[in-house]
């Protein structure tokens, strides 16, 4: 469904420092910076996260109600994501990183805001991918560490 996700930033240097650090925790290499377009590309074989200065010249704003979620293989990876975010200009938000019970499901969640204010969540599902598939209620989408895989 998604080829890429693009978010805006008013400070590309701060965004690059932040995202290089947090994306490394989920196995994505440093971003490719395009000086001309003021965009940073974090590419995988399955999709791209792009951080950009707005093309229209207006300030970047955040999505009210939006969250970018990253699936982590372990609680330690989710905590490392959170800690890298905070160490590189992010802000820890909501409850501290830890386990949450959502009915019958158990998740390890770590919420942060990036330097531009975008809300990110590092998530580990206690039951692995089976729980992840259950959360999507039979959808053919499966979350992976840093991508969405379509299973037809």
N, C-alpha and C. Protein backbone atom coordinates (compact mmCIF):
# COMPACT_ATOMS: atom_id res chain seq x y z
N UNK A 1 0.81 -1.19 0.00
CA UNK A 1 0.00 0.00 0.00
C UNK A 1 0.86 1.25 0.00
N UNK A 2 1.87 1.33 0.87
CA UNK A 2 2.68 2.54 0.95
C UNK A 2 4.01 2.34 0.24
N UNK A 3 4.37 3.31 -0.59
CA UNK A 3 5.70 3.30 -1.18
C UNK A 3 6.65 4.12 -0.31
N UNK A 4 6.08 5.14 0.37
CA UNK A 4 6.89 5.99 1.23
C UNK A 4 6.00 6.73 2.22
N UNK A 5 6.63 7.23 3.26
CA UNK A 5 6.00 8.12 4.22
C UNK A 5 6.88 9.36 4.26
N UNK A 6 6.26 10.54 4.13
CA UNK A 6 7.01 11.79 4.14
C UNK A 6 6.51 12.67 5.29
N UNK A 7 7.47 13.18 6.07
CA UNK A 7 7.12 14.11 7.14
C UNK A 7 7.96 15.36 6.98
N UNK A 8 7.45 16.47 7.48
CA UNK A 8 8.14 17.74 7.35
C UNK A 8 8.99 18.08 8.56
N UNK A 9 10.01 18.89 8.32
CA UNK A 9 10.88 19.39 9.39
C UNK A 9 11.33 20.79 9.03
N UNK A 10 11.42 21.65 10.05
CA UNK A 10 11.95 23.00 9.86
C UNK A 10 13.45 23.06 10.12
N UNK A 11 14.02 21.98 10.66
CA UNK A 11 15.44 21.91 10.95
C UNK A 11 15.97 20.56 10.47
N UNK A 12 16.40 20.53 9.23
CA UNK A 12 16.84 19.28 8.60
C UNK A 12 18.08 18.71 9.28
N UNK A 13 18.99 19.56 9.74
CA UNK A 13 20.19 19.05 10.41
C UNK A 13 19.82 18.32 11.71
N UNK A 14 18.92 18.89 12.49
CA UNK A 14 18.48 18.23 13.73
C UNK A 14 17.72 16.95 13.40
N UNK A 15 16.89 16.99 12.37
CA UNK A 15 16.13 15.80 11.97
C UNK A 15 17.07 14.69 11.52
N UNK A 16 18.11 15.05 10.79
CA UNK A 16 19.07 14.04 10.31
C UNK A 16 19.79 13.37 11.47
N UNK A 17 20.25 14.16 12.41
CA UNK A 17 20.92 13.61 13.59
C UNK A 17 19.98 12.66 14.34
N UNK A 18 18.75 13.09 14.55
CA UNK A 18 17.76 12.31 15.26
C UNK A 18 17.43 11.01 14.52
N UNK A 19 17.04 11.11 13.25
CA UNK A 19 16.61 9.92 12.53
C UNK A 19 17.75 8.96 12.20
N UNK A 20 18.95 9.47 11.95
CA UNK A 20 20.08 8.55 11.76
C UNK A 20 20.24 7.67 13.00
N UNK A 21 20.11 8.27 14.18
CA UNK A 21 20.29 7.51 15.43
C UNK A 21 19.14 6.53 15.67
N UNK A 22 17.90 6.98 15.54
CA UNK A 22 16.79 6.08 15.86
C UNK A 22 16.58 5.01 14.80
N UNK A 23 16.79 5.33 13.54
CA UNK A 23 16.61 4.33 12.49
C UNK A 23 17.67 3.23 12.60
N UNK A 24 18.86 3.59 13.08
CA UNK A 24 19.91 2.58 13.27
C UNK A 24 19.46 1.51 14.26
N UNK A 25 18.64 1.88 15.24
CA UNK A 25 18.21 0.90 16.25
C UNK A 25 17.27 -0.15 15.66
N UNK A 26 16.64 0.14 14.52
CA UNK A 26 15.76 -0.85 13.87
C UNK A 26 16.38 -1.36 12.56
N UNK A 27 17.69 -1.18 12.42
CA UNK A 27 18.41 -1.79 11.30
C UNK A 27 18.41 -1.02 10.00
N UNK A 28 18.09 0.27 10.04
CA UNK A 28 18.09 1.08 8.82
C UNK A 28 19.31 2.00 8.86
N UNK A 29 20.08 1.99 7.77
CA UNK A 29 21.32 2.77 7.74
C UNK A 29 21.03 4.28 7.68
N UNK A 30 22.09 5.07 7.89
CA UNK A 30 21.98 6.52 7.86
C UNK A 30 21.26 6.98 6.60
N UNK A 31 20.54 8.07 6.74
CA UNK A 31 19.78 8.60 5.62
C UNK A 31 20.66 9.19 4.54
N UNK A 32 20.12 9.17 3.32
CA UNK A 32 20.77 9.82 2.18
C UNK A 32 20.21 11.24 2.11
N UNK A 33 21.10 12.23 2.23
CA UNK A 33 20.68 13.62 2.23
C UNK A 33 20.81 14.22 0.84
N UNK A 34 19.75 14.87 0.37
CA UNK A 34 19.77 15.58 -0.90
C UNK A 34 19.79 17.07 -0.58
N UNK A 35 20.94 17.68 -0.80
CA UNK A 35 21.15 19.09 -0.48
C UNK A 35 20.17 19.99 -1.24
N UNK A 36 19.97 19.70 -2.51
CA UNK A 36 19.12 20.55 -3.36
C UNK A 36 17.67 20.58 -2.87
N UNK A 37 17.11 19.41 -2.56
CA UNK A 37 15.70 19.35 -2.14
C UNK A 37 15.53 19.46 -0.63
N UNK A 38 16.66 19.42 0.12
CA UNK A 38 16.61 19.45 1.58
C UNK A 38 15.77 18.28 2.12
N UNK A 39 16.03 17.09 1.59
CA UNK A 39 15.34 15.88 1.99
C UNK A 39 16.32 14.82 2.45
N UNK A 40 15.90 14.05 3.44
CA UNK A 40 16.67 12.91 3.91
C UNK A 40 15.85 11.66 3.60
N UNK A 41 16.47 10.68 2.96
CA UNK A 41 15.80 9.44 2.57
C UNK A 41 16.34 8.27 3.39
N UNK A 42 15.43 7.56 4.05
CA UNK A 42 15.77 6.32 4.76
C UNK A 42 15.11 5.19 3.98
N UNK A 43 15.91 4.51 3.16
CA UNK A 43 15.37 3.52 2.23
C UNK A 43 15.60 2.09 2.72
N UNK A 44 14.59 1.27 2.48
CA UNK A 44 14.73 -0.18 2.64
C UNK A 44 14.23 -0.79 1.34
N UNK A 45 14.30 -2.08 1.21
CA UNK A 45 13.82 -2.73 0.00
C UNK A 45 12.30 -2.64 -0.11
N UNK A 46 11.63 -2.26 0.98
CA UNK A 46 10.17 -2.28 0.99
C UNK A 46 9.51 -0.91 1.12
N UNK A 47 10.27 0.14 1.27
CA UNK A 47 9.67 1.45 1.42
C UNK A 47 10.69 2.48 1.86
N UNK A 48 10.22 3.72 1.95
CA UNK A 48 11.11 4.83 2.27
C UNK A 48 10.44 5.78 3.25
N UNK A 49 11.21 6.22 4.23
CA UNK A 49 10.80 7.32 5.10
C UNK A 49 11.58 8.53 4.61
N UNK A 50 10.85 9.62 4.33
CA UNK A 50 11.48 10.85 3.84
C UNK A 50 11.19 11.96 4.84
N UNK A 51 12.22 12.68 5.23
CA UNK A 51 12.08 13.87 6.07
C UNK A 51 12.48 15.05 5.20
N UNK A 52 11.61 16.06 5.12
CA UNK A 52 11.83 17.15 4.17
C UNK A 52 11.43 18.51 4.71
N UNK A 53 12.07 19.54 4.19
CA UNK A 53 11.56 20.89 4.38
C UNK A 53 10.37 21.02 3.43
N UNK A 54 9.29 21.66 3.85
CA UNK A 54 8.15 21.80 2.95
C UNK A 54 8.52 22.54 1.67
N UNK A 55 8.03 22.03 0.56
CA UNK A 55 8.33 22.60 -0.76
C UNK A 55 7.66 23.95 -0.97
N UNK A 56 6.55 24.20 -0.26
CA UNK A 56 5.82 25.46 -0.47
C UNK A 56 6.39 26.63 0.33
N UNK A 57 7.45 26.38 1.11
CA UNK A 57 8.08 27.45 1.86
C UNK A 57 7.42 27.76 3.19
N UNK A 58 6.26 27.19 3.46
CA UNK A 58 5.60 27.39 4.75
C UNK A 58 6.25 26.49 5.80
N UNK A 59 6.08 26.82 7.09
CA UNK A 59 6.65 25.97 8.14
C UNK A 59 6.05 24.57 8.13
N UNK A 60 6.88 23.60 8.48
CA UNK A 60 6.39 22.23 8.66
C UNK A 60 5.53 22.19 9.92
N UNK A 61 4.48 21.39 9.88
CA UNK A 61 3.63 21.18 11.04
C UNK A 61 3.48 19.69 11.28
N UNK A 62 3.01 19.33 12.47
CA UNK A 62 2.85 17.92 12.80
C UNK A 62 1.42 17.47 12.55
N UNK A 63 1.24 16.18 12.46
CA UNK A 63 -0.09 15.59 12.26
C UNK A 63 -0.77 15.45 13.62
N UNK A 64 -1.81 16.21 13.84
CA UNK A 64 -2.57 16.11 15.09
C UNK A 64 -3.32 14.78 15.08
N UNK A 65 -2.98 13.90 16.00
CA UNK A 65 -3.60 12.57 16.04
C UNK A 65 -2.79 11.51 15.32
N UNK A 66 -1.70 11.89 14.68
CA UNK A 66 -0.89 10.94 13.92
C UNK A 66 0.26 10.38 14.74
N UNK A 67 0.59 9.12 14.49
CA UNK A 67 1.73 8.46 15.12
C UNK A 67 2.42 7.59 14.07
N UNK A 68 3.74 7.65 14.02
CA UNK A 68 4.52 6.72 13.20
C UNK A 68 4.99 5.61 14.12
N UNK A 69 4.57 4.39 13.85
CA UNK A 69 4.92 3.25 14.70
C UNK A 69 6.00 2.40 14.06
N UNK A 70 6.95 1.98 14.89
CA UNK A 70 8.05 1.12 14.45
C UNK A 70 8.01 -0.16 15.27
N UNK A 71 7.87 -1.30 14.60
CA UNK A 71 7.86 -2.58 15.29
C UNK A 71 9.28 -2.99 15.63
N UNK A 72 9.49 -3.38 16.87
CA UNK A 72 10.81 -3.80 17.35
C UNK A 72 10.77 -5.28 17.70
N UNK A 73 11.88 -5.95 17.49
CA UNK A 73 11.97 -7.39 17.73
C UNK A 73 11.96 -7.74 19.21
N UNK A 74 12.46 -6.84 20.06
CA UNK A 74 12.56 -7.11 21.49
C UNK A 74 12.21 -5.84 22.27
N UNK A 75 11.88 -5.98 23.56
CA UNK A 75 11.68 -4.79 24.38
C UNK A 75 12.96 -3.95 24.46
N UNK A 76 14.11 -4.62 24.47
CA UNK A 76 15.38 -3.91 24.53
C UNK A 76 15.59 -3.04 23.30
N UNK A 77 15.16 -3.52 22.12
CA UNK A 77 15.29 -2.73 20.90
C UNK A 77 14.37 -1.51 20.97
N UNK A 78 13.16 -1.69 21.50
CA UNK A 78 12.23 -0.56 21.66
C UNK A 78 12.81 0.47 22.63
N UNK A 79 13.40 0.01 23.71
CA UNK A 79 14.02 0.92 24.68
C UNK A 79 15.22 1.62 24.06
N UNK A 80 16.01 0.91 23.26
CA UNK A 80 17.16 1.52 22.58
C UNK A 80 16.69 2.60 21.61
N UNK A 81 15.59 2.35 20.90
CA UNK A 81 14.99 3.33 20.00
C UNK A 81 14.65 4.59 20.80
N UNK A 82 13.94 4.40 21.91
CA UNK A 82 13.54 5.51 22.77
C UNK A 82 14.76 6.28 23.27
N UNK A 83 15.75 5.57 23.78
CA UNK A 83 16.93 6.22 24.35
C UNK A 83 17.73 6.96 23.28
N UNK A 84 17.84 6.39 22.08
CA UNK A 84 18.54 7.07 20.99
C UNK A 84 17.77 8.33 20.60
N UNK A 85 16.45 8.26 20.61
CA UNK A 85 15.62 9.43 20.28
C UNK A 85 15.88 10.56 21.27
N UNK A 86 15.81 10.25 22.56
CA UNK A 86 15.99 11.26 23.60
C UNK A 86 17.40 11.85 23.57
N UNK A 87 18.40 11.00 23.31
CA UNK A 87 19.79 11.45 23.26
C UNK A 87 20.09 12.32 22.05
N UNK A 88 19.18 12.33 21.07
CA UNK A 88 19.43 13.06 19.83
C UNK A 88 18.36 14.10 19.54
N UNK A 89 17.84 14.70 20.59
CA UNK A 89 16.93 15.83 20.42
C UNK A 89 15.46 15.50 20.55
N UNK A 90 15.10 14.24 20.77
CA UNK A 90 13.71 13.87 20.95
C UNK A 90 13.27 14.07 22.39
N UNK A 91 11.97 13.94 22.61
CA UNK A 91 11.40 14.11 23.94
C UNK A 91 10.55 12.89 24.27
N UNK A 92 10.79 12.30 25.42
CA UNK A 92 9.98 11.17 25.88
C UNK A 92 8.59 11.70 26.24
N UNK A 93 7.55 11.00 25.79
CA UNK A 93 6.17 11.44 26.07
C UNK A 93 5.35 10.28 26.59
N UNK A 94 4.19 10.61 27.10
CA UNK A 94 3.25 9.65 27.66
C UNK A 94 3.91 8.89 28.81
N UNK A 95 3.54 7.66 29.03
CA UNK A 95 4.14 6.87 30.11
C UNK A 95 5.58 6.51 29.74
N UNK A 96 6.43 6.24 30.74
CA UNK A 96 7.79 5.80 30.43
C UNK A 96 7.74 4.50 29.62
N UNK A 97 8.82 4.20 28.87
CA UNK A 97 8.84 2.93 28.14
C UNK A 97 8.54 1.77 29.07
N UNK A 98 7.71 0.85 28.59
CA UNK A 98 7.37 -0.30 29.41
C UNK A 98 6.22 -1.10 28.84
N UNK A 99 5.87 -2.14 29.57
CA UNK A 99 4.81 -3.06 29.15
C UNK A 99 3.44 -2.43 29.40
N UNK A 100 2.53 -2.64 28.46
CA UNK A 100 1.13 -2.20 28.58
C UNK A 100 0.25 -3.40 28.28
N UNK A 101 -0.83 -3.51 29.00
CA UNK A 101 -1.82 -4.55 28.73
C UNK A 101 -3.00 -3.92 28.01
N UNK A 102 -3.30 -4.44 26.84
CA UNK A 102 -4.46 -4.00 26.06
C UNK A 102 -5.41 -5.19 25.96
N UNK A 103 -6.23 -5.35 26.97
CA UNK A 103 -7.09 -6.52 27.01
C UNK A 103 -6.24 -7.77 27.16
N UNK A 104 -6.36 -8.67 26.20
CA UNK A 104 -5.60 -9.92 26.22
C UNK A 104 -4.19 -9.75 25.65
N UNK A 105 -3.91 -8.60 25.07
CA UNK A 105 -2.62 -8.37 24.42
C UNK A 105 -1.67 -7.65 25.35
N UNK A 106 -0.39 -7.99 25.23
CA UNK A 106 0.64 -7.34 26.01
C UNK A 106 1.66 -6.76 25.04
N UNK A 107 1.93 -5.44 25.18
CA UNK A 107 2.86 -4.75 24.30
C UNK A 107 3.86 -3.96 25.13
N UNK A 108 5.07 -3.84 24.61
CA UNK A 108 6.06 -2.94 25.18
C UNK A 108 6.06 -1.71 24.29
N UNK A 109 5.77 -0.54 24.88
CA UNK A 109 5.65 0.69 24.11
C UNK A 109 6.62 1.74 24.63
N UNK A 110 7.17 2.52 23.70
CA UNK A 110 8.05 3.63 24.04
C UNK A 110 7.73 4.79 23.10
N UNK A 111 7.13 5.84 23.64
CA UNK A 111 6.69 6.99 22.84
C UNK A 111 7.67 8.15 22.96
N UNK A 112 7.93 8.81 21.83
CA UNK A 112 8.77 10.01 21.79
C UNK A 112 8.20 10.98 20.75
N UNK A 113 8.64 12.21 20.85
CA UNK A 113 8.43 13.19 19.78
C UNK A 113 9.79 13.52 19.20
N UNK A 114 9.84 13.62 17.86
CA UNK A 114 11.09 13.98 17.21
C UNK A 114 11.31 15.49 17.37
N UNK A 115 12.46 16.03 16.93
CA UNK A 115 12.72 17.46 17.11
C UNK A 115 11.68 18.37 16.46
N UNK A 116 10.94 17.88 15.48
CA UNK A 116 9.89 18.68 14.83
C UNK A 116 8.53 18.51 15.49
N UNK A 117 8.43 17.58 16.44
CA UNK A 117 7.17 17.36 17.15
C UNK A 117 6.37 16.17 16.68
N UNK A 118 6.84 15.42 15.69
CA UNK A 118 6.14 14.23 15.22
C UNK A 118 6.17 13.15 16.30
N UNK A 119 5.04 12.48 16.49
CA UNK A 119 4.93 11.43 17.50
C UNK A 119 5.36 10.09 16.91
N UNK A 120 6.29 9.43 17.60
CA UNK A 120 6.79 8.12 17.18
C UNK A 120 6.55 7.13 18.31
N UNK A 121 6.35 5.87 17.95
CA UNK A 121 6.18 4.83 18.95
C UNK A 121 7.00 3.61 18.54
N UNK A 122 7.87 3.17 19.44
CA UNK A 122 8.59 1.91 19.25
C UNK A 122 7.77 0.84 19.97
N UNK A 123 7.42 -0.23 19.25
CA UNK A 123 6.49 -1.23 19.77
C UNK A 123 7.07 -2.63 19.66
N UNK A 124 6.94 -3.38 20.74
CA UNK A 124 7.27 -4.81 20.71
C UNK A 124 6.02 -5.57 21.16
N UNK A 125 5.59 -6.51 20.34
CA UNK A 125 4.43 -7.34 20.65
C UNK A 125 4.91 -8.59 21.39
N UNK A 126 4.41 -8.81 22.60
CA UNK A 126 4.86 -9.92 23.43
C UNK A 126 4.69 -11.26 22.74
N UNK A 127 3.64 -11.42 21.98
CA UNK A 127 3.38 -12.70 21.32
C UNK A 127 3.97 -12.76 19.92
N UNK A 128 4.81 -11.82 19.56
CA UNK A 128 5.43 -11.81 18.24
C UNK A 128 4.46 -11.43 17.15
N UNK A 129 4.73 -11.89 15.96
CA UNK A 129 3.93 -11.49 14.80
C UNK A 129 2.50 -12.01 14.85
N UNK A 130 2.25 -13.09 15.56
CA UNK A 130 0.87 -13.57 15.67
C UNK A 130 0.00 -12.50 16.31
N UNK A 131 0.51 -11.84 17.34
CA UNK A 131 -0.25 -10.76 17.98
C UNK A 131 -0.40 -9.59 17.03
N UNK A 132 0.64 -9.31 16.28
CA UNK A 132 0.59 -8.21 15.33
C UNK A 132 -0.51 -8.45 14.30
N UNK A 133 -0.57 -9.66 13.76
CA UNK A 133 -1.60 -9.98 12.78
C UNK A 133 -2.98 -9.90 13.40
N UNK A 134 -3.09 -10.32 14.66
CA UNK A 134 -4.37 -10.25 15.35
C UNK A 134 -4.82 -8.80 15.52
N UNK A 135 -3.86 -7.92 15.82
CA UNK A 135 -4.20 -6.51 15.99
C UNK A 135 -4.77 -5.91 14.72
N UNK A 136 -4.37 -6.42 13.57
CA UNK A 136 -4.89 -5.90 12.31
C UNK A 136 -6.18 -6.59 11.92
N UNK A 137 -6.69 -7.46 12.80
CA UNK A 137 -7.98 -8.12 12.63
C UNK A 137 -8.14 -8.80 11.26
N UNK A 138 -7.19 -9.67 10.94
CA UNK A 138 -7.32 -10.48 9.74
C UNK A 138 -6.82 -9.81 8.48
N UNK A 139 -6.30 -8.60 8.58
CA UNK A 139 -5.78 -7.93 7.41
C UNK A 139 -4.63 -8.74 6.83
N UNK A 140 -4.31 -8.50 5.57
CA UNK A 140 -3.19 -9.18 4.94
C UNK A 140 -1.89 -8.41 5.11
N UNK A 141 -1.89 -7.38 5.96
CA UNK A 141 -0.67 -6.62 6.23
C UNK A 141 0.00 -7.16 7.47
N UNK A 142 1.32 -7.25 7.43
CA UNK A 142 2.11 -7.65 8.59
C UNK A 142 3.17 -6.59 8.82
N UNK A 143 3.27 -6.12 10.05
CA UNK A 143 4.33 -5.18 10.38
C UNK A 143 5.63 -5.93 10.60
N UNK A 144 6.71 -5.37 10.12
CA UNK A 144 8.05 -5.89 10.34
C UNK A 144 8.87 -4.80 11.01
N UNK A 145 10.14 -5.02 11.27
CA UNK A 145 10.97 -4.05 11.97
C UNK A 145 10.88 -2.66 11.37
N UNK A 146 10.91 -2.53 10.07
CA UNK A 146 10.91 -1.20 9.47
C UNK A 146 10.20 -1.21 8.12
N UNK A 147 9.21 -2.08 7.98
CA UNK A 147 8.52 -2.14 6.70
C UNK A 147 7.15 -2.77 6.89
N UNK A 148 6.33 -2.66 5.88
CA UNK A 148 5.05 -3.37 5.82
C UNK A 148 5.16 -4.37 4.68
N UNK A 149 4.83 -5.61 4.93
CA UNK A 149 4.87 -6.64 3.90
C UNK A 149 3.45 -7.03 3.52
N UNK A 150 3.13 -7.07 2.27
CA UNK A 150 1.84 -7.51 1.80
C UNK A 150 1.89 -9.01 1.61
N UNK A 151 0.95 -9.71 2.21
CA UNK A 151 0.86 -11.16 2.05
C UNK A 151 -0.42 -11.47 1.32
N UNK A 152 -0.32 -11.88 0.07
CA UNK A 152 -1.52 -12.15 -0.71
C UNK A 152 -1.93 -13.61 -0.64
